[in-house]
Amino acid sequence: MPLKRGFKGVSEAVAMILAFAVLSLTILYAFIYVIPQLTTPAPSLNPSLLGEKLVLYLLRDISGNYTLVVKNNGQVESVIDYLVLASPSGVAQRYILNIKSKSICSYIGSTIPPGEVLRINCTSDYIPIGVVSSTGKTYTIDPQLYSLLIEQTTIGLPLLPVYYGSLVTSTSDLLKYLENPSMINQSAIRTSIALQPLDTPINPPIQVNLTTNASILFAGFSWNGTNYTLNLLVIGYFNPGAYISLRDSTGQYKYVNLSKSTREYFRYRIKIEGFRGNASFIDDYGVWDLNQYPDMYVYGRLVLSGVADRVAVYVNGTDEAVVGLDPFVFVGDLDYNGNTETVLVTEDYTYGNSTVINDRRGGVPVVDGSNKTMRLVFWNIPIDSSQYSMGVVTLRFFYWDNSQDPLLDNYNRVVLRIGLYDNETATLVYSVSVSYYELVRYRSVEIVSMSWIVKDFLVFIPDTGKTYYIAVEIQDPFYMEGTINDSDLIIGIEYVGLMIAARG
């Protein structure tokens, strides 16, 4: 009996295996032969539906004009067929416009390659709020956002862009918001090796030819509608073959041999704004066309040939001194998203720690720090304290410093402050500070890089009946105390927004 039961169990097992094999072959046949005949691969239906992804945001310049920025964050080229418009006289009134009609809106092209942007400007009667692509997909700004921008009543806190887009396109634009404009030329930065401006041609357009090494290069766009030029800040040092030649519209000419083996050009900073022409940066990773790839670069060779609206050349003096902000401030769109960064940069060459001077060249300290705080007051957004009780300020910025052991190397001092500015007393009636120890959490030291940070700050608005303004303060609180408190830093502001709550 046991023998028979054993054979019966084996027979059942064999039968189950054969049944499973037949079922598996049937399923395999279905996957190979039947299902492909019943379905069509998605890419053959419309490849763009898989890779198309457009991101939209609306910008308003200092004149109150609106620009719709459409960025292609997808994997395929996108083509725009129609525009969606709103009327400032009533956001319920929306219109569809064929993009081929340029009687109302202006733009350059209707095709957006991956990673690129399309900027759309319309007459004052309409605001561009969306697009329809050739795939039939519609992309629009959130109605609450564009209704806020055109000052319609909405539920929730009003959102006010304070610093954004192309509000500032050059150093001269920045002066409108700098509380103390004289700081641009004097009394702003304490430096171990003084920087002084050379007498250079000033009447644009200025022909520029330059070849030099740069330890740090900032190259960003300066927007004028849908067109752009380049702004550059070159932080350089003595190197063979380096020079800059300038000739302005009146024929004035200046040639500076930056390869002199003298202390005269031991360090220099060159500021160029409104540049049009060939601009290349050569580093270990290749040759970068700065007209295509704006960014912050480190240690490479810069070659320029073109014209510019402004050129300032600063070379070192021989003594410690206090100098202006101009060679330490950069203005430009570094990441090609339509928003201009304002950057304070005191870093020049090297990293360091608590046992050495952080920034040095050939063993000589090249340390810079704030003598006065850089305070920006945004007069474009007045806040009536009788109507509003508090606000939330949103700040998007990046930060870096050159200390490899920050907690040992530097004390915890204030680097950034956001507050409510009283024009009558020239003071902040309420402020929130960001300290060094908080900021170092967001960055790595090697190599120099932009660590983007977004933070919200709650600001109390006292009920005084006064009009206040949002202010942002930036400073490098370190100079040099032996081998500590000697960090140099880079901090850039890209966006400041404000949500305010009404009283009552």
Protein backbone atom coordinates (compact mmCIF):
# COMPACT_ATOMS: atom_id res chain seq x y z
CA MET A 1 0.00 0.00 0.00
CA PRO A 2 2.64 2.52 0.79
CA LEU A 3 4.33 1.77 -2.57
CA LYS A 4 1.11 2.48 -4.51
CA ARG A 5 0.46 5.70 -2.60
CA GLY A 6 3.98 6.85 -3.55
CA PHE A 7 3.41 6.32 -7.24
CA LYS A 8 0.07 8.15 -7.00
CA GLY A 9 1.77 11.20 -5.44
CA VAL A 10 4.42 11.22 -8.14
CA SER A 11 1.80 11.01 -10.86
CA GLU A 12 -0.09 13.96 -9.40
CA ALA A 13 3.10 16.01 -9.22
CA VAL A 14 4.02 15.20 -12.83
CA ALA A 15 0.51 16.16 -13.94
CA MET A 16 0.77 19.51 -12.13
CA ILE A 17 4.15 20.26 -13.73
CA LEU A 18 2.83 19.48 -17.21
CA ALA A 19 -0.24 21.66 -16.62
CA PHE A 20 1.94 24.56 -15.40
CA ALA A 21 4.20 24.20 -18.45
CA VAL A 22 1.23 24.31 -20.82
CA LEU A 23 -0.15 27.38 -19.03
CA SER A 24 3.26 29.12 -19.15
CA LEU A 25 3.62 28.46 -22.87
CA THR A 26 0.11 29.83 -23.45
CA ILE A 27 0.90 33.05 -21.54
CA LEU A 28 4.25 33.40 -23.33
CA TYR A 29 2.51 32.99 -26.69
CA ALA A 30 0.01 35.66 -25.74
CA PHE A 31 2.76 38.14 -24.80
CA ILE A 32 4.79 37.43 -27.94
CA TYR A 33 2.09 37.15 -30.59
CA VAL A 34 -1.35 38.23 -29.41
CA ILE A 35 -0.91 41.31 -27.16
CA PRO A 36 1.35 43.25 -29.62
CA GLN A 37 -1.40 42.86 -32.22
CA LEU A 38 -4.00 44.32 -29.85
CA THR A 39 -1.94 47.30 -28.63
CA THR A 40 0.20 50.03 -30.19
CA PRO A 41 3.40 51.18 -28.46
CA ALA A 42 2.88 54.65 -26.95
CA PRO A 43 5.87 56.23 -28.74
CA SER A 44 4.34 55.43 -32.13
CA LEU A 45 1.15 57.21 -31.10
CA ASN A 46 2.88 60.49 -30.24
CA PRO A 47 6.46 60.57 -28.91
CA SER A 48 5.99 64.13 -27.63
CA LEU A 49 3.30 63.06 -25.18
CA LEU A 50 5.91 61.07 -23.26
CA GLY A 51 8.70 63.65 -23.13
CA GLU A 52 6.93 67.02 -23.27
CA LYS A 53 6.99 69.04 -20.06
CA LEU A 54 6.64 72.81 -20.03
CA VAL A 55 6.96 74.98 -16.93
CA LEU A 56 5.47 78.50 -16.93
CA TYR A 57 6.00 81.52 -14.74
CA LEU A 58 4.95 85.14 -15.07
CA LEU A 59 7.35 88.02 -14.44
CA ARG A 60 6.66 91.74 -14.05
CA ASP A 61 9.40 94.28 -14.65
CA ILE A 62 9.89 97.61 -12.89
CA SER A 63 7.65 99.31 -15.49
CA GLY A 64 4.75 96.98 -14.71
CA ASN A 65 4.95 95.02 -17.97
CA TYR A 66 4.45 91.24 -17.93
CA THR A 67 6.53 88.49 -19.53
CA LEU A 68 5.41 84.87 -19.73
CA VAL A 69 8.45 82.60 -19.54
CA VAL A 70 7.89 79.09 -20.93
CA LYS A 71 10.71 76.66 -20.10
CA ASN A 72 11.01 73.22 -21.68
CA ASN A 73 11.92 70.81 -18.88
CA GLY A 74 11.05 67.80 -21.04
CA GLN A 75 13.06 65.49 -23.25
CA VAL A 76 11.73 66.53 -26.66
CA GLU A 77 11.37 69.71 -28.67
CA SER A 78 8.07 71.52 -28.09
CA VAL A 79 6.18 73.67 -30.59
CA ILE A 80 3.67 76.28 -29.45
CA ASP A 81 0.52 76.71 -31.56
CA TYR A 82 -1.68 78.98 -29.42
CA LEU A 83 -1.40 81.51 -26.60
CA VAL A 84 -3.83 81.88 -23.69
CA LEU A 85 -4.40 85.51 -22.68
CA ALA A 86 -6.18 87.26 -19.81
CA SER A 87 -7.50 90.80 -19.71
CA PRO A 88 -6.41 93.00 -16.78
CA SER A 89 -9.92 94.42 -16.73
CA GLY A 90 -11.28 91.08 -15.57
CA VAL A 91 -9.54 87.75 -15.12
CA ALA A 92 -12.70 85.89 -16.11
CA GLN A 93 -12.10 87.18 -19.62
CA ARG A 94 -9.67 84.79 -21.27
CA TYR A 95 -8.75 84.52 -24.94
CA ILE A 96 -7.06 82.02 -27.25
CA LEU A 97 -4.71 83.52 -29.85
CA ASN A 98 -2.99 81.75 -32.72
CA ILE A 99 0.72 82.22 -32.16
CA LYS A 100 1.20 83.16 -35.81
CA SER A 101 -0.63 86.42 -35.08
CA LYS A 102 1.87 88.98 -33.76
CA SER A 103 -0.49 91.94 -33.56
CA ILE A 104 -0.94 91.54 -29.79
CA CYS A 105 2.07 89.57 -28.51
CA SER A 106 5.75 89.48 -29.40
CA TYR A 107 8.21 86.60 -29.09
CA ILE A 108 11.11 85.02 -30.95
CA GLY A 109 10.18 81.72 -32.59
CA SER A 110 7.60 79.19 -31.44
CA THR A 111 9.84 76.13 -31.03
CA ILE A 112 11.42 75.39 -27.63
CA PRO A 113 14.29 72.85 -27.55
CA PRO A 114 14.82 70.88 -24.31
CA GLY A 115 16.28 73.11 -21.59
CA GLU A 116 15.51 76.34 -23.47
CA VAL A 117 12.91 79.05 -22.79
CA LEU A 118 10.44 81.12 -24.82
CA ARG A 119 9.58 84.62 -23.61
CA ILE A 120 6.25 86.13 -24.58
CA ASN A 121 5.34 89.81 -24.16
CA CYS A 122 1.93 91.28 -24.99
CA THR A 123 0.39 94.73 -25.23
CA SER A 124 -0.87 96.35 -22.03
CA ASP A 125 -4.43 95.19 -22.84
CA TYR A 126 -3.56 91.53 -22.33
CA ILE A 127 -1.45 89.31 -20.07
CA PRO A 128 -0.09 85.99 -21.41
CA ILE A 129 -1.06 83.24 -18.96
CA GLY A 130 -0.70 80.00 -20.92
CA VAL A 131 0.18 78.14 -24.10
CA VAL A 132 -1.16 75.24 -26.16
CA SER A 133 1.48 72.99 -27.72
CA SER A 134 1.25 71.20 -31.07
CA THR A 135 0.52 67.97 -29.16
CA GLY A 136 -2.74 69.49 -27.98
CA LYS A 137 -1.59 69.87 -24.36
CA THR A 138 -2.51 73.08 -22.53
CA TYR A 139 -0.21 74.67 -19.93
CA THR A 140 -1.42 77.64 -17.89
CA ILE A 141 -0.43 79.69 -14.88
CA ASP A 142 -2.49 78.93 -11.77
CA PRO A 143 -5.44 81.41 -11.91
CA GLN A 144 -4.77 82.46 -8.32
CA LEU A 145 -1.24 83.46 -9.26
CA TYR A 146 -2.00 85.58 -12.28
CA SER A 147 -5.05 87.14 -10.68
CA LEU A 148 -2.81 88.20 -7.80
CA LEU A 149 -0.31 89.70 -10.18
CA ILE A 150 -2.95 91.80 -11.90
CA GLU A 151 -4.33 92.90 -8.55
CA GLN A 152 -7.62 91.00 -8.46
CA THR A 153 -9.26 89.97 -5.18
CA THR A 154 -8.44 86.36 -4.25
CA ILE A 155 -8.78 84.05 -1.29
CA GLY A 156 -5.66 83.89 0.90
CA LEU A 157 -2.63 86.08 1.36
CA PRO A 158 -1.65 88.36 -1.53
CA LEU A 159 1.62 87.26 -3.12
CA LEU A 160 3.89 90.15 -4.13
CA PRO A 161 7.15 89.64 -6.04
CA VAL A 162 9.68 91.98 -4.42
CA TYR A 163 12.95 91.10 -6.18
CA TYR A 164 12.47 88.96 -9.28
CA GLY A 165 13.00 88.58 -13.01
CA SER A 166 14.91 91.37 -14.70
CA LEU A 167 14.14 94.01 -12.07
CA VAL A 168 17.91 94.54 -11.87
CA THR A 169 20.08 93.98 -14.96
CA SER A 170 23.29 95.83 -14.13
CA THR A 171 25.21 97.50 -11.32
CA SER A 172 23.61 100.84 -12.19
CA ASP A 173 20.16 99.27 -11.68
CA LEU A 174 21.27 97.98 -8.31
CA LEU A 175 22.08 101.52 -7.16
CA LYS A 176 18.33 102.28 -7.12
CA TYR A 177 17.89 99.80 -4.28
CA LEU A 178 21.19 100.22 -2.45
CA GLU A 179 20.41 102.24 0.68
CA ASN A 180 23.80 103.93 0.51
CA PRO A 181 24.76 104.21 -3.19
CA SER A 182 28.14 105.75 -2.34
CA MET A 183 29.22 102.31 -1.09
CA ILE A 184 29.60 101.18 -4.67
CA ASN A 185 32.79 103.22 -4.93
CA GLN A 186 34.05 103.59 -1.36
CA SER A 187 34.05 102.41 2.26
CA ALA A 188 32.36 99.04 1.67
CA ILE A 189 34.98 96.26 1.73
CA ARG A 190 38.08 95.94 3.89
CA THR A 191 40.82 94.09 2.02
CA SER A 192 44.36 92.94 2.85
CA ILE A 193 45.55 93.97 -0.62
CA ALA A 194 43.81 97.06 -1.95
CA LEU A 195 41.99 97.15 -5.27
CA GLN A 196 41.99 100.37 -7.24
CA PRO A 197 40.34 101.13 -10.59
CA LEU A 198 42.42 101.81 -13.68
CA ASP A 199 41.53 104.73 -15.92
CA THR A 200 39.77 102.97 -18.82
CA PRO A 201 37.59 104.10 -21.77
CA ILE A 202 33.99 104.70 -20.69
CA ASN A 203 31.96 105.68 -23.78
CA PRO A 204 29.96 102.69 -25.13
CA PRO A 205 30.08 100.67 -27.21
CA ILE A 206 33.51 99.66 -25.92
CA GLN A 207 35.52 97.18 -27.98
CA VAL A 208 36.89 94.45 -25.73
CA ASN A 209 39.62 91.89 -26.36
CA LEU A 210 40.70 89.86 -23.36
CA THR A 211 42.69 86.73 -22.57
CA THR A 212 43.35 85.79 -18.97
CA ASN A 213 43.21 83.07 -16.37
CA ALA A 214 40.41 83.26 -13.83
CA SER A 215 40.22 81.61 -10.43
CA ILE A 216 36.50 82.42 -10.39
CA LEU A 217 34.33 83.65 -13.25
CA PHE A 218 30.72 84.79 -13.03
CA ALA A 219 29.02 84.91 -16.44
CA GLY A 220 25.29 85.67 -16.51
CA PHE A 221 22.67 87.12 -18.81
CA SER A 222 21.33 90.65 -18.65
CA TRP A 223 17.80 90.58 -20.08
CA ASN A 224 16.15 93.24 -22.21
CA GLY A 225 12.78 91.78 -23.13
CA THR A 226 13.54 88.61 -25.07
CA ASN A 227 17.10 89.70 -25.86
CA TYR A 228 20.13 89.37 -23.63
CA THR A 229 23.73 90.45 -23.27
CA LEU A 230 26.44 89.04 -20.98
CA ASN A 231 27.57 90.39 -17.63
CA LEU A 232 30.90 89.11 -16.34
CA LEU A 233 32.99 89.38 -13.19
CA VAL A 234 36.52 88.01 -13.62
CA ILE A 235 38.59 87.28 -10.53
CA GLY A 236 42.11 86.82 -11.86
CA TYR A 237 45.81 86.73 -11.11
CA PHE A 238 49.15 87.26 -12.81
CA ASN A 239 49.62 84.75 -15.67
CA PRO A 240 51.71 84.67 -18.87
CA GLY A 241 49.98 86.02 -21.96
CA ALA A 242 47.17 87.72 -20.07
CA TYR A 243 45.95 91.10 -21.33
CA ILE A 244 42.92 93.28 -21.96
CA SER A 245 42.57 95.93 -24.65
CA LEU A 246 39.74 98.48 -24.78
CA ARG A 247 38.66 101.10 -27.32
CA ASP A 248 35.50 103.16 -26.87
CA SER A 249 33.24 105.02 -29.32
CA THR A 250 35.35 108.18 -29.08
CA GLY A 251 38.54 106.32 -30.01
CA GLN A 252 40.07 106.32 -26.52
CA TYR A 253 42.28 103.26 -26.13
CA LYS A 254 43.68 101.32 -23.20
CA TYR A 255 45.91 98.24 -23.18
CA VAL A 256 46.71 96.49 -19.93
CA ASN A 257 49.41 93.83 -19.86
CA LEU A 258 48.15 91.50 -17.14
CA SER A 259 51.14 89.18 -17.47
CA LYS A 260 53.63 91.56 -15.86
CA SER A 261 55.71 89.74 -13.28
CA THR A 262 55.33 92.55 -10.79
CA ARG A 263 53.17 93.14 -7.75
CA GLU A 264 51.27 95.70 -9.83
CA TYR A 265 48.98 92.96 -11.15
CA PHE A 266 49.37 90.43 -8.38
CA ARG A 267 45.57 90.30 -8.22
CA TYR A 268 42.84 91.90 -10.29
CA ARG A 269 39.10 91.92 -10.82
CA ILE A 270 37.53 92.84 -14.14
CA LYS A 271 33.87 93.75 -14.47
CA ILE A 272 32.19 93.74 -17.88
CA GLU A 273 28.50 94.51 -18.43
CA GLY A 274 26.35 94.44 -21.55
CA PHE A 275 28.87 92.33 -23.52
CA ARG A 276 28.04 91.15 -27.06
CA GLY A 277 30.45 88.93 -28.92
CA ASN A 278 32.50 85.76 -28.59
CA ALA A 279 33.02 84.57 -25.02
CA SER A 280 34.73 81.26 -24.20
CA PHE A 281 35.95 79.67 -20.99
CA ILE A 282 38.41 76.80 -21.21
CA ASP A 283 38.84 74.47 -18.24
CA ASP A 284 39.60 70.79 -17.59
CA TYR A 285 36.15 69.81 -18.83
CA GLY A 286 36.32 71.51 -22.22
CA VAL A 287 35.50 74.79 -23.95
CA TRP A 288 32.35 76.57 -22.78
CA ASP A 289 30.48 79.09 -24.93
CA LEU A 290 29.30 81.55 -22.28
CA ASN A 291 26.52 82.79 -24.57
CA GLN A 292 25.06 79.29 -24.35
CA TYR A 293 26.16 78.23 -20.86
CA PRO A 294 26.00 81.06 -18.30
CA ASP A 295 27.26 79.93 -14.90
CA MET A 296 29.88 80.33 -12.21
CA TYR A 297 33.19 78.75 -13.30
CA VAL A 298 36.45 78.15 -11.45
CA TYR A 299 40.07 77.95 -12.59
CA GLY A 300 40.29 78.24 -16.35
CA ARG A 301 41.16 80.53 -19.25
CA LEU A 302 38.77 83.25 -20.43
CA VAL A 303 38.84 84.62 -23.99
CA LEU A 304 36.60 87.52 -25.05
CA SER A 305 36.20 89.43 -28.31
CA GLY A 306 33.30 91.84 -28.76
CA VAL A 307 31.77 95.06 -27.45
CA ALA A 308 30.37 96.05 -24.06
CA ASP A 309 28.44 98.85 -22.38
CA ARG A 310 30.75 99.06 -19.37
CA VAL A 311 34.20 97.79 -18.44
CA ALA A 312 35.95 98.37 -15.10
CA VAL A 313 39.44 97.02 -14.37
CA TYR A 314 40.61 96.85 -10.76
CA VAL A 315 44.21 95.98 -9.86
CA ASN A 316 45.89 95.68 -6.50
CA GLY A 317 47.57 98.45 -4.60
CA THR A 318 50.32 97.79 -2.12
CA ASP A 319 48.62 98.34 1.21
CA GLU A 320 45.61 97.24 3.21
CA ALA A 321 42.67 99.47 2.42
CA VAL A 322 38.89 99.94 2.36
CA VAL A 323 37.41 99.93 -1.14
CA GLY A 324 34.00 100.11 -2.81
CA LEU A 325 31.49 97.34 -3.54
CA ASP A 326 31.78 97.48 -7.33
CA PRO A 327 34.52 94.84 -7.85
CA PHE A 328 32.86 92.57 -5.27
CA VAL A 329 29.28 92.60 -6.63
CA PHE A 330 27.99 90.73 -9.66
CA VAL A 331 24.58 91.16 -11.30
CA GLY A 332 23.37 88.62 -13.88
CA ASP A 333 21.21 85.56 -14.60
CA LEU A 334 23.59 82.66 -13.89
CA ASP A 335 21.18 79.77 -14.43
CA TYR A 336 19.22 80.98 -17.47
CA ASN A 337 15.79 81.00 -15.82
CA GLY A 338 14.91 84.65 -16.40
CA ASN A 339 15.74 85.75 -12.85
CA THR A 340 18.77 87.94 -12.20
CA GLU A 341 21.04 87.10 -9.28
CA THR A 342 22.75 89.80 -7.21
CA VAL A 343 25.94 88.31 -5.76
CA LEU A 344 28.38 89.50 -3.11
CA VAL A 345 31.70 87.67 -3.60
CA THR A 346 34.74 88.22 -1.38
CA GLU A 347 36.39 84.90 -2.30
CA ASP A 348 39.41 85.01 -4.61
CA TYR A 349 41.65 81.97 -4.70
CA THR A 350 41.94 79.23 -2.09
CA TYR A 351 40.35 77.25 0.75
CA GLY A 352 41.66 77.21 4.30
CA ASN A 353 41.04 76.19 7.89
CA SER A 354 41.67 77.37 11.44
CA THR A 355 45.44 76.85 11.16
CA VAL A 356 46.09 78.88 7.96
CA ILE A 357 44.86 82.01 6.22
CA ASN A 358 41.97 80.79 4.07
CA ASP A 359 42.46 82.97 0.99
CA ARG A 360 46.02 83.48 -0.24
CA ARG A 361 48.11 83.73 -3.37
CA GLY A 362 51.77 82.76 -3.36
CA GLY A 363 51.62 82.66 0.43
CA VAL A 364 50.34 86.24 0.60
CA PRO A 365 46.93 86.76 2.32
CA VAL A 366 44.18 88.02 0.01
CA VAL A 367 41.38 88.37 2.56
CA ASP A 368 38.29 90.57 2.15
CA GLY A 369 35.45 91.39 4.54
CA SER A 370 32.59 93.87 4.87
CA ASN A 371 33.40 97.25 6.30
CA LYS A 372 29.73 98.21 5.97
CA THR A 373 26.66 96.06 5.48
CA MET A 374 25.22 95.95 1.98
CA ARG A 375 21.55 96.87 2.51
CA LEU A 376 19.07 96.63 -0.34
CA VAL A 377 15.72 98.41 0.15
CA PHE A 378 12.97 97.46 -2.30
CA TRP A 379 11.05 100.68 -2.81
CA ASN A 380 8.85 99.05 -5.46
CA ILE A 381 6.65 97.40 -2.78
CA PRO A 382 5.40 99.93 -0.17
CA ILE A 383 3.64 98.35 2.83
CA ASP A 384 0.95 100.39 4.58
CA SER A 385 1.22 99.36 8.24
CA SER A 386 -2.35 100.50 8.92
CA GLN A 387 -3.65 97.84 6.53
CA TYR A 388 -1.32 94.88 7.11
CA SER A 389 -0.30 93.12 10.32
CA MET A 390 2.40 90.66 9.25
CA GLY A 391 4.12 89.20 6.25
CA VAL A 392 5.99 86.10 5.14
CA VAL A 393 9.11 86.91 3.15
CA THR A 394 10.38 84.14 0.86
CA LEU A 395 14.03 84.24 -0.16
CA ARG A 396 15.76 82.08 -2.77
CA PHE A 397 19.54 82.40 -2.61
CA PHE A 398 22.82 80.48 -2.76
CA TYR A 399 25.74 80.42 -0.35
CA TRP A 400 29.38 79.26 -0.18
CA ASP A 401 32.45 80.03 1.94
CA ASN A 402 36.05 78.82 1.89
CA SER A 403 36.49 77.33 5.37
CA GLN A 404 37.14 73.60 5.64
CA ASP A 405 36.50 73.51 9.40
CA PRO A 406 33.89 76.27 9.85
CA LEU A 407 33.02 75.73 13.50
CA LEU A 408 36.67 76.00 14.53
CA ASP A 409 37.63 78.66 12.03
CA ASN A 410 34.88 81.27 12.50
CA TYR A 411 32.60 82.68 15.15
CA ASN A 412 28.85 82.51 14.64
CA ARG A 413 28.15 85.94 13.14
CA VAL A 414 25.23 87.29 11.11
CA VAL A 415 25.63 86.98 7.34
CA LEU A 416 22.11 87.70 6.11
CA ARG A 417 19.22 89.72 7.53
CA ILE A 418 15.68 90.29 6.21
CA GLY A 419 13.52 92.99 7.71
CA LEU A 420 11.06 95.84 7.59
CA TYR A 421 12.70 99.16 6.72
CA ASP A 422 11.60 102.53 8.09
CA ASN A 423 12.65 105.24 5.67
CA GLU A 424 12.23 108.02 8.26
CA THR A 425 14.70 106.53 10.73
CA ALA A 426 16.79 104.51 8.21
CA THR A 427 16.48 101.45 10.46
CA LEU A 428 14.94 98.01 10.45
CA VAL A 429 11.93 98.09 12.79
CA TYR A 430 11.72 94.30 12.65
CA SER A 431 14.19 91.78 11.27
CA VAL A 432 15.13 88.10 11.12
CA SER A 433 18.79 87.06 10.90
CA VAL A 434 20.55 84.09 9.33
CA SER A 435 23.83 83.18 11.03
CA TYR A 436 27.02 81.67 9.71
CA TYR A 437 26.57 78.37 11.57
CA GLU A 438 23.20 77.87 9.93
CA LEU A 439 24.47 78.63 6.44
CA VAL A 440 27.47 76.28 6.57
CA ARG A 441 25.06 73.36 6.86
CA TYR A 442 23.99 73.92 3.26
CA ARG A 443 27.34 73.87 1.46
CA SER A 444 30.38 71.76 0.76
CA VAL A 445 33.70 73.54 0.37
CA GLU A 446 35.45 71.70 -2.44
CA ILE A 447 34.86 72.57 -5.16
CA VAL A 448 33.33 76.04 -5.28
CA SER A 449 29.65 75.53 -6.08
CA MET A 450 26.25 77.18 -5.70
CA SER A 451 24.13 75.62 -2.95
CA TRP A 452 20.60 76.88 -3.53
CA ILE A 453 18.48 77.59 -0.46
CA VAL A 454 14.84 78.66 -0.07
CA LYS A 455 13.73 80.06 3.31
CA ASP A 456 10.62 81.79 4.64
CA PHE A 457 10.80 84.55 7.26
CA LEU A 458 7.84 85.77 9.33
CA VAL A 459 7.95 89.56 9.66
CA PHE A 460 5.78 91.47 12.15
CA ILE A 461 4.37 94.81 10.90
CA PRO A 462 3.79 97.32 13.74
CA ASP A 463 0.57 99.37 13.54
CA THR A 464 2.13 102.83 13.33
CA GLY A 465 0.42 104.20 10.23
CA LYS A 466 3.82 104.41 8.52
CA THR A 467 4.79 102.97 5.16
CA TYR A 468 7.51 100.34 5.35
CA TYR A 469 9.62 98.47 2.80
CA ILE A 470 11.25 95.05 2.64
CA ALA A 471 15.04 95.21 3.06
CA VAL A 472 17.71 92.54 2.68
CA GLU A 473 21.15 92.91 4.25
CA ILE A 474 24.21 90.93 3.14
CA GLN A 475 27.67 91.05 4.64
CA ASP A 476 30.90 89.12 4.97
CA PRO A 477 31.38 89.44 8.75
CA PHE A 478 34.90 87.97 8.70
CA TYR A 479 38.20 89.60 7.94
CA MET A 480 41.29 88.19 9.64
CA GLU A 481 42.14 87.59 13.29
CA GLY A 482 45.34 85.60 13.09
CA THR A 483 44.29 82.44 11.27
CA ILE A 484 40.63 82.49 12.38
CA ASN A 485 37.58 84.56 11.45
CA ASP A 486 39.10 84.85 8.00
CA SER A 487 36.54 83.18 5.72
CA ASP A 488 35.65 84.73 2.38
CA LEU A 489 32.21 83.97 0.99
CA ILE A 490 29.87 84.01 -1.98
CA ILE A 491 26.19 84.78 -1.45
CA GLY A 492 23.69 85.47 -4.22
CA ILE A 493 20.02 86.47 -4.10
CA GLU A 494 17.70 85.40 -6.92
CA TYR A 495 14.16 85.96 -5.65
CA VAL A 496 12.39 87.78 -2.83
CA GLY A 497 8.63 87.38 -2.44
CA LEU A 498 6.15 88.70 0.11
CA MET A 499 2.79 87.39 1.36
CA ILE A 500 1.01 89.89 3.59
CA ALA A 501 -1.95 89.49 5.95
CA ALA A 502 -4.52 92.25 6.35
CA ARG A 503 -5.40 93.67 9.75
CA GLY A 504 -8.71 92.70 11.28
